[in-house]
Amino acid sequence: MKLFETLCLVICGFVLVGTLSSTAWAQAIIPLSGTKGASAINDGVGHFRQRNWDTASSHFRKALQKNPRSAVAHYNLGLALNRMGKPQQAAKHFQKASQLGQINPLIRNSTILKKHLQQSKQ
């Protein structure tokens, strides 16, 4: 099962809704179909695209209830919380995404994630 979850993280890292090259344009990551909590994450991504940050964050939290170790759900929740003006809460989820998503290049190389992690150290 661990190998499957690792493979899912790598593959889902390449399925993206936009670019993560700047903090202003960071977009939510879509998980691989069939992963635990994927349906809730996909629903959240739909609301994130529509700029419904509250609703998106609710779906990402629901995904985390199903799979607390989902780096994608933590990352996406961090993005939504950041857009809602809650940087301390966002940093907490970016930290968790960073810990769980080391093999996912979209999480590992995310500019917004790095920015929040640096600010939380200060």
N, C-alpha and C. Protein backbone atom coordinates (compact mmCIF):
# COMPACT_ATOMS: atom_id res chain seq x y z
N MET A 1 0.83 -1.20 0.00
CA MET A 1 0.00 0.00 0.00
C MET A 1 0.86 1.25 0.00
N LYS A 2 1.97 1.24 0.72
CA LYS A 2 2.87 2.40 0.80
C LYS A 2 3.39 2.75 -0.60
N LEU A 3 3.77 1.75 -1.39
CA LEU A 3 4.25 1.98 -2.74
C LEU A 3 3.17 2.63 -3.59
N PHE A 4 1.92 2.15 -3.46
CA PHE A 4 0.81 2.72 -4.21
C PHE A 4 0.61 4.19 -3.86
N GLU A 5 0.65 4.53 -2.55
CA GLU A 5 0.46 5.91 -2.11
C GLU A 5 1.60 6.79 -2.63
N THR A 6 2.82 6.27 -2.62
CA THR A 6 3.96 7.03 -3.12
C THR A 6 3.80 7.28 -4.61
N LEU A 7 3.43 6.25 -5.35
CA LEU A 7 3.22 6.38 -6.78
C LEU A 7 2.11 7.40 -7.07
N CYS A 8 1.05 7.36 -6.27
CA CYS A 8 -0.06 8.31 -6.45
C CYS A 8 0.42 9.74 -6.24
N LEU A 9 1.25 9.96 -5.24
CA LEU A 9 1.77 11.31 -4.98
C LEU A 9 2.61 11.81 -6.15
N VAL A 10 3.43 10.93 -6.70
CA VAL A 10 4.28 11.33 -7.82
C VAL A 10 3.43 11.64 -9.04
N ILE A 11 2.48 10.77 -9.34
CA ILE A 11 1.63 10.98 -10.52
C ILE A 11 0.74 12.19 -10.33
N CYS A 12 0.10 12.32 -9.17
CA CYS A 12 -0.81 13.46 -8.97
C CYS A 12 -0.03 14.76 -8.99
N GLY A 13 1.24 14.71 -8.71
CA GLY A 13 2.07 15.91 -8.76
C GLY A 13 2.19 16.47 -10.16
N PHE A 14 1.95 15.64 -11.15
CA PHE A 14 2.06 16.11 -12.53
C PHE A 14 0.71 16.50 -13.13
N VAL A 15 -0.36 16.24 -12.42
CA VAL A 15 -1.70 16.64 -12.86
C VAL A 15 -2.03 17.92 -12.12
N LEU A 16 -2.09 19.01 -12.84
CA LEU A 16 -2.18 20.31 -12.19
C LEU A 16 -3.23 21.18 -12.86
N VAL A 17 -3.83 22.04 -12.08
CA VAL A 17 -4.80 23.00 -12.59
C VAL A 17 -4.11 24.36 -12.66
N GLY A 18 -3.20 24.57 -13.55
CA GLY A 18 -2.51 25.85 -13.66
C GLY A 18 -1.05 25.73 -13.33
N THR A 19 -0.43 26.85 -13.05
CA THR A 19 1.00 26.89 -12.78
C THR A 19 1.28 27.24 -11.34
N LEU A 20 2.36 26.72 -10.82
CA LEU A 20 2.74 27.02 -9.44
C LEU A 20 3.99 27.89 -9.42
N SER A 21 4.25 28.60 -10.50
CA SER A 21 5.49 29.35 -10.59
C SER A 21 5.49 30.63 -9.77
N SER A 22 4.34 31.15 -9.40
CA SER A 22 4.31 32.36 -8.57
C SER A 22 3.23 32.25 -7.52
N THR A 23 3.40 32.99 -6.44
CA THR A 23 2.42 32.91 -5.36
C THR A 23 1.06 33.45 -5.78
N ALA A 24 1.04 34.42 -6.66
CA ALA A 24 -0.23 35.02 -7.07
C ALA A 24 -1.06 34.05 -7.90
N TRP A 25 -0.40 33.13 -8.60
CA TRP A 25 -1.11 32.25 -9.51
C TRP A 25 -1.11 30.79 -9.07
N ALA A 26 -0.70 30.52 -7.84
CA ALA A 26 -0.68 29.14 -7.36
C ALA A 26 -2.08 28.56 -7.43
N GLN A 27 -2.17 27.37 -7.96
CA GLN A 27 -3.45 26.70 -8.12
C GLN A 27 -3.45 25.39 -7.36
N ALA A 28 -4.63 24.93 -7.03
CA ALA A 28 -4.79 23.68 -6.30
C ALA A 28 -4.39 22.50 -7.18
N ILE A 29 -3.85 21.48 -6.54
CA ILE A 29 -3.42 20.26 -7.22
C ILE A 29 -4.57 19.26 -7.20
N ILE A 30 -4.76 18.59 -8.33
CA ILE A 30 -5.78 17.54 -8.43
C ILE A 30 -5.13 16.21 -8.06
N PRO A 31 -5.77 15.42 -7.18
CA PRO A 31 -5.20 14.13 -6.79
C PRO A 31 -5.47 13.06 -7.84
N LEU A 32 -4.75 11.99 -7.76
CA LEU A 32 -4.98 10.84 -8.62
C LEU A 32 -6.31 10.21 -8.24
N SER A 33 -7.09 9.87 -9.23
CA SER A 33 -8.39 9.24 -8.98
C SER A 33 -8.22 7.95 -8.20
N GLY A 34 -9.10 7.74 -7.25
CA GLY A 34 -9.07 6.52 -6.46
C GLY A 34 -8.29 6.62 -5.16
N THR A 35 -7.56 7.71 -4.97
CA THR A 35 -6.86 7.86 -3.70
C THR A 35 -7.86 8.27 -2.63
N LYS A 36 -7.56 7.92 -1.40
CA LYS A 36 -8.45 8.21 -0.28
C LYS A 36 -8.65 9.72 -0.16
N GLY A 37 -9.90 10.16 -0.21
CA GLY A 37 -10.22 11.58 -0.10
C GLY A 37 -10.20 12.32 -1.43
N ALA A 38 -9.93 11.63 -2.53
CA ALA A 38 -9.81 12.29 -3.84
C ALA A 38 -11.08 13.02 -4.26
N SER A 39 -12.22 12.42 -3.98
CA SER A 39 -13.49 13.04 -4.37
C SER A 39 -13.68 14.39 -3.67
N ALA A 40 -13.38 14.44 -2.39
CA ALA A 40 -13.52 15.70 -1.64
C ALA A 40 -12.50 16.73 -2.13
N ILE A 41 -11.29 16.28 -2.45
CA ILE A 41 -10.28 17.21 -2.97
C ILE A 41 -10.73 17.76 -4.31
N ASN A 42 -11.23 16.89 -5.18
CA ASN A 42 -11.70 17.36 -6.49
C ASN A 42 -12.83 18.37 -6.35
N ASP A 43 -13.75 18.12 -5.42
CA ASP A 43 -14.83 19.09 -5.17
C ASP A 43 -14.23 20.42 -4.70
N GLY A 44 -13.25 20.34 -3.80
CA GLY A 44 -12.59 21.54 -3.31
C GLY A 44 -11.88 22.31 -4.41
N VAL A 45 -11.22 21.58 -5.31
CA VAL A 45 -10.53 22.23 -6.43
C VAL A 45 -11.53 22.98 -7.31
N GLY A 46 -12.70 22.39 -7.52
CA GLY A 46 -13.73 23.07 -8.31
C GLY A 46 -14.13 24.39 -7.67
N HIS A 47 -14.31 24.39 -6.37
CA HIS A 47 -14.67 25.62 -5.66
C HIS A 47 -13.49 26.59 -5.61
N PHE A 48 -12.29 26.06 -5.51
CA PHE A 48 -11.09 26.90 -5.52
C PHE A 48 -11.00 27.66 -6.84
N ARG A 49 -11.25 26.97 -7.93
CA ARG A 49 -11.22 27.61 -9.27
C ARG A 49 -12.23 28.75 -9.36
N GLN A 50 -13.35 28.59 -8.65
CA GLN A 50 -14.40 29.61 -8.67
C GLN A 50 -14.19 30.67 -7.59
N ARG A 51 -13.07 30.57 -6.90
CA ARG A 51 -12.70 31.52 -5.84
C ARG A 51 -13.63 31.47 -4.63
N ASN A 52 -14.23 30.31 -4.41
CA ASN A 52 -15.06 30.07 -3.23
C ASN A 52 -14.16 29.45 -2.17
N TRP A 53 -13.30 30.28 -1.57
CA TRP A 53 -12.26 29.78 -0.67
C TRP A 53 -12.82 29.03 0.54
N ASP A 54 -13.89 29.55 1.13
CA ASP A 54 -14.51 28.90 2.31
C ASP A 54 -15.00 27.50 1.97
N THR A 55 -15.74 27.40 0.88
CA THR A 55 -16.28 26.11 0.48
C THR A 55 -15.16 25.15 0.09
N ALA A 56 -14.16 25.67 -0.62
CA ALA A 56 -13.01 24.84 -1.01
C ALA A 56 -12.31 24.31 0.23
N SER A 57 -12.09 25.18 1.21
CA SER A 57 -11.38 24.74 2.42
C SER A 57 -12.19 23.68 3.17
N SER A 58 -13.51 23.79 3.16
CA SER A 58 -14.35 22.76 3.80
C SER A 58 -14.15 21.40 3.14
N HIS A 59 -14.07 21.39 1.83
CA HIS A 59 -13.87 20.12 1.12
C HIS A 59 -12.46 19.56 1.38
N PHE A 60 -11.46 20.43 1.44
CA PHE A 60 -10.11 19.95 1.72
C PHE A 60 -10.02 19.39 3.15
N ARG A 61 -10.74 20.02 4.08
CA ARG A 61 -10.78 19.50 5.45
C ARG A 61 -11.48 18.13 5.49
N LYS A 62 -12.52 17.99 4.71
CA LYS A 62 -13.24 16.71 4.63
C LYS A 62 -12.29 15.63 4.09
N ALA A 63 -11.49 15.99 3.10
CA ALA A 63 -10.51 15.03 2.55
C ALA A 63 -9.50 14.63 3.63
N LEU A 64 -9.11 15.59 4.45
CA LEU A 64 -8.15 15.29 5.52
C LEU A 64 -8.75 14.41 6.61
N GLN A 65 -10.05 14.49 6.80
CA GLN A 65 -10.70 13.58 7.75
C GLN A 65 -10.61 12.14 7.23
N LYS A 66 -10.71 11.98 5.91
CA LYS A 66 -10.63 10.66 5.31
C LYS A 66 -9.18 10.17 5.19
N ASN A 67 -8.28 11.13 4.98
CA ASN A 67 -6.87 10.77 4.78
C ASN A 67 -5.98 11.87 5.36
N PRO A 68 -5.70 11.83 6.65
CA PRO A 68 -4.90 12.87 7.30
C PRO A 68 -3.48 13.01 6.76
N ARG A 69 -3.01 11.99 6.03
CA ARG A 69 -1.65 12.02 5.49
C ARG A 69 -1.61 12.45 4.03
N SER A 70 -2.68 13.06 3.55
CA SER A 70 -2.71 13.53 2.16
C SER A 70 -1.96 14.86 2.03
N ALA A 71 -0.79 14.80 1.41
CA ALA A 71 -0.01 16.01 1.18
C ALA A 71 -0.77 16.97 0.27
N VAL A 72 -1.48 16.44 -0.71
CA VAL A 72 -2.24 17.27 -1.65
C VAL A 72 -3.35 18.02 -0.92
N ALA A 73 -4.07 17.35 -0.03
CA ALA A 73 -5.15 18.00 0.72
C ALA A 73 -4.59 19.08 1.64
N HIS A 74 -3.47 18.80 2.31
CA HIS A 74 -2.85 19.82 3.17
C HIS A 74 -2.38 21.01 2.33
N TYR A 75 -1.76 20.74 1.21
CA TYR A 75 -1.27 21.81 0.34
C TYR A 75 -2.44 22.67 -0.15
N ASN A 76 -3.48 22.02 -0.66
CA ASN A 76 -4.62 22.77 -1.18
C ASN A 76 -5.32 23.57 -0.08
N LEU A 77 -5.42 22.99 1.11
CA LEU A 77 -6.02 23.72 2.23
C LEU A 77 -5.16 24.92 2.58
N GLY A 78 -3.85 24.77 2.54
CA GLY A 78 -2.95 25.90 2.77
C GLY A 78 -3.20 27.02 1.77
N LEU A 79 -3.38 26.65 0.50
CA LEU A 79 -3.67 27.66 -0.53
C LEU A 79 -4.97 28.40 -0.23
N ALA A 80 -6.02 27.64 0.11
CA ALA A 80 -7.32 28.25 0.38
C ALA A 80 -7.25 29.17 1.59
N LEU A 81 -6.60 28.70 2.66
CA LEU A 81 -6.47 29.52 3.86
C LEU A 81 -5.67 30.79 3.59
N ASN A 82 -4.65 30.68 2.76
CA ASN A 82 -3.88 31.85 2.38
C ASN A 82 -4.77 32.86 1.66
N ARG A 83 -5.58 32.39 0.74
CA ARG A 83 -6.49 33.27 0.01
C ARG A 83 -7.54 33.88 0.92
N MET A 84 -7.84 33.21 2.02
CA MET A 84 -8.83 33.72 2.98
C MET A 84 -8.19 34.69 3.98
N GLY A 85 -6.91 34.95 3.84
CA GLY A 85 -6.23 35.87 4.75
C GLY A 85 -5.88 35.26 6.09
N LYS A 86 -5.61 33.97 6.11
CA LYS A 86 -5.27 33.26 7.35
C LYS A 86 -3.87 32.63 7.20
N PRO A 87 -2.83 33.47 7.17
CA PRO A 87 -1.49 32.95 6.88
C PRO A 87 -0.93 32.00 7.92
N GLN A 88 -1.26 32.18 9.20
CA GLN A 88 -0.74 31.27 10.23
C GLN A 88 -1.32 29.86 10.05
N GLN A 89 -2.62 29.80 9.79
CA GLN A 89 -3.25 28.50 9.56
C GLN A 89 -2.73 27.88 8.26
N ALA A 90 -2.53 28.71 7.24
CA ALA A 90 -2.01 28.22 5.96
C ALA A 90 -0.62 27.62 6.16
N ALA A 91 0.23 28.31 6.93
CA ALA A 91 1.60 27.84 7.17
C ALA A 91 1.61 26.46 7.83
N LYS A 92 0.67 26.22 8.73
CA LYS A 92 0.57 24.92 9.41
C LYS A 92 0.33 23.80 8.39
N HIS A 93 -0.56 24.05 7.44
CA HIS A 93 -0.88 23.03 6.44
C HIS A 93 0.22 22.93 5.38
N PHE A 94 0.86 24.04 5.05
CA PHE A 94 2.00 23.97 4.13
C PHE A 94 3.14 23.17 4.76
N GLN A 95 3.35 23.33 6.07
CA GLN A 95 4.38 22.57 6.77
C GLN A 95 4.09 21.07 6.68
N LYS A 96 2.85 20.71 6.93
CA LYS A 96 2.46 19.30 6.87
C LYS A 96 2.58 18.77 5.44
N ALA A 97 2.17 19.58 4.46
CA ALA A 97 2.30 19.17 3.05
C ALA A 97 3.76 18.96 2.69
N SER A 98 4.62 19.84 3.19
CA SER A 98 6.05 19.73 2.93
C SER A 98 6.61 18.43 3.51
N GLN A 99 6.20 18.09 4.72
CA GLN A 99 6.67 16.86 5.36
C GLN A 99 6.18 15.61 4.64
N LEU A 100 4.91 15.62 4.24
CA LEU A 100 4.31 14.44 3.63
C LEU A 100 4.55 14.33 2.13
N GLY A 101 4.82 15.46 1.49
CA GLY A 101 4.91 15.48 0.03
C GLY A 101 6.31 15.67 -0.53
N GLN A 102 7.31 15.16 0.16
CA GLN A 102 8.70 15.35 -0.27
C GLN A 102 8.95 14.83 -1.68
N ILE A 103 8.25 13.78 -2.10
CA ILE A 103 8.49 13.22 -3.42
C ILE A 103 7.67 13.93 -4.51
N ASN A 104 6.76 14.79 -4.12
CA ASN A 104 5.93 15.50 -5.08
C ASN A 104 6.63 16.80 -5.45
N PRO A 105 7.14 16.91 -6.68
CA PRO A 105 7.89 18.12 -7.06
C PRO A 105 7.05 19.40 -7.05
N LEU A 106 5.76 19.29 -7.27
CA LEU A 106 4.91 20.48 -7.26
C LEU A 106 4.75 21.04 -5.86
N ILE A 107 4.74 20.17 -4.88
CA ILE A 107 4.68 20.61 -3.49
C ILE A 107 6.07 21.06 -3.04
N ARG A 108 7.05 20.21 -3.28
CA ARG A 108 8.42 20.49 -2.84
C ARG A 108 8.96 21.81 -3.42
N ASN A 109 8.61 22.13 -4.65
CA ASN A 109 9.13 23.32 -5.32
C ASN A 109 8.17 24.50 -5.33
N SER A 110 7.11 24.42 -4.59
CA SER A 110 6.10 25.48 -4.58
C SER A 110 6.65 26.77 -3.95
N THR A 111 6.56 27.83 -4.70
CA THR A 111 7.02 29.14 -4.23
C THR A 111 6.22 29.60 -3.02
N ILE A 112 4.91 29.46 -3.08
CA ILE A 112 4.07 29.94 -1.98
C ILE A 112 4.31 29.12 -0.71
N LEU A 113 4.50 27.82 -0.86
CA LEU A 113 4.80 26.97 0.29
C LEU A 113 6.12 27.41 0.93
N LYS A 114 7.14 27.60 0.12
CA LYS A 114 8.45 28.02 0.63
C LYS A 114 8.36 29.37 1.34
N LYS A 115 7.59 30.28 0.77
CA LYS A 115 7.42 31.60 1.37
C LYS A 115 6.80 31.49 2.77
N HIS A 116 5.76 30.68 2.89
CA HIS A 116 5.09 30.52 4.19
C HIS A 116 6.00 29.82 5.20
N LEU A 117 6.76 28.84 4.75
CA LEU A 117 7.66 28.14 5.67
C LEU A 117 8.76 29.09 6.17
N GLN A 118 9.27 29.93 5.29
CA GLN A 118 10.28 30.91 5.70
C GLN A 118 9.71 31.91 6.69
N GLN A 119 8.52 32.41 6.41
CA GLN A 119 7.90 33.40 7.30
C GLN A 119 7.57 32.81 8.68
N SER A 120 7.20 31.52 8.69
CA SER A 120 6.85 30.91 9.97
C SER A 120 8.09 30.68 10.84
N LYS A 121 9.27 30.65 10.24
CA LYS A 121 10.52 30.48 11.00
C LYS A 121 10.96 31.80 11.63
N GLN A 122 10.49 32.90 11.10
CA GLN A 122 10.92 34.22 11.59
C GLN A 122 10.19 34.64 12.83
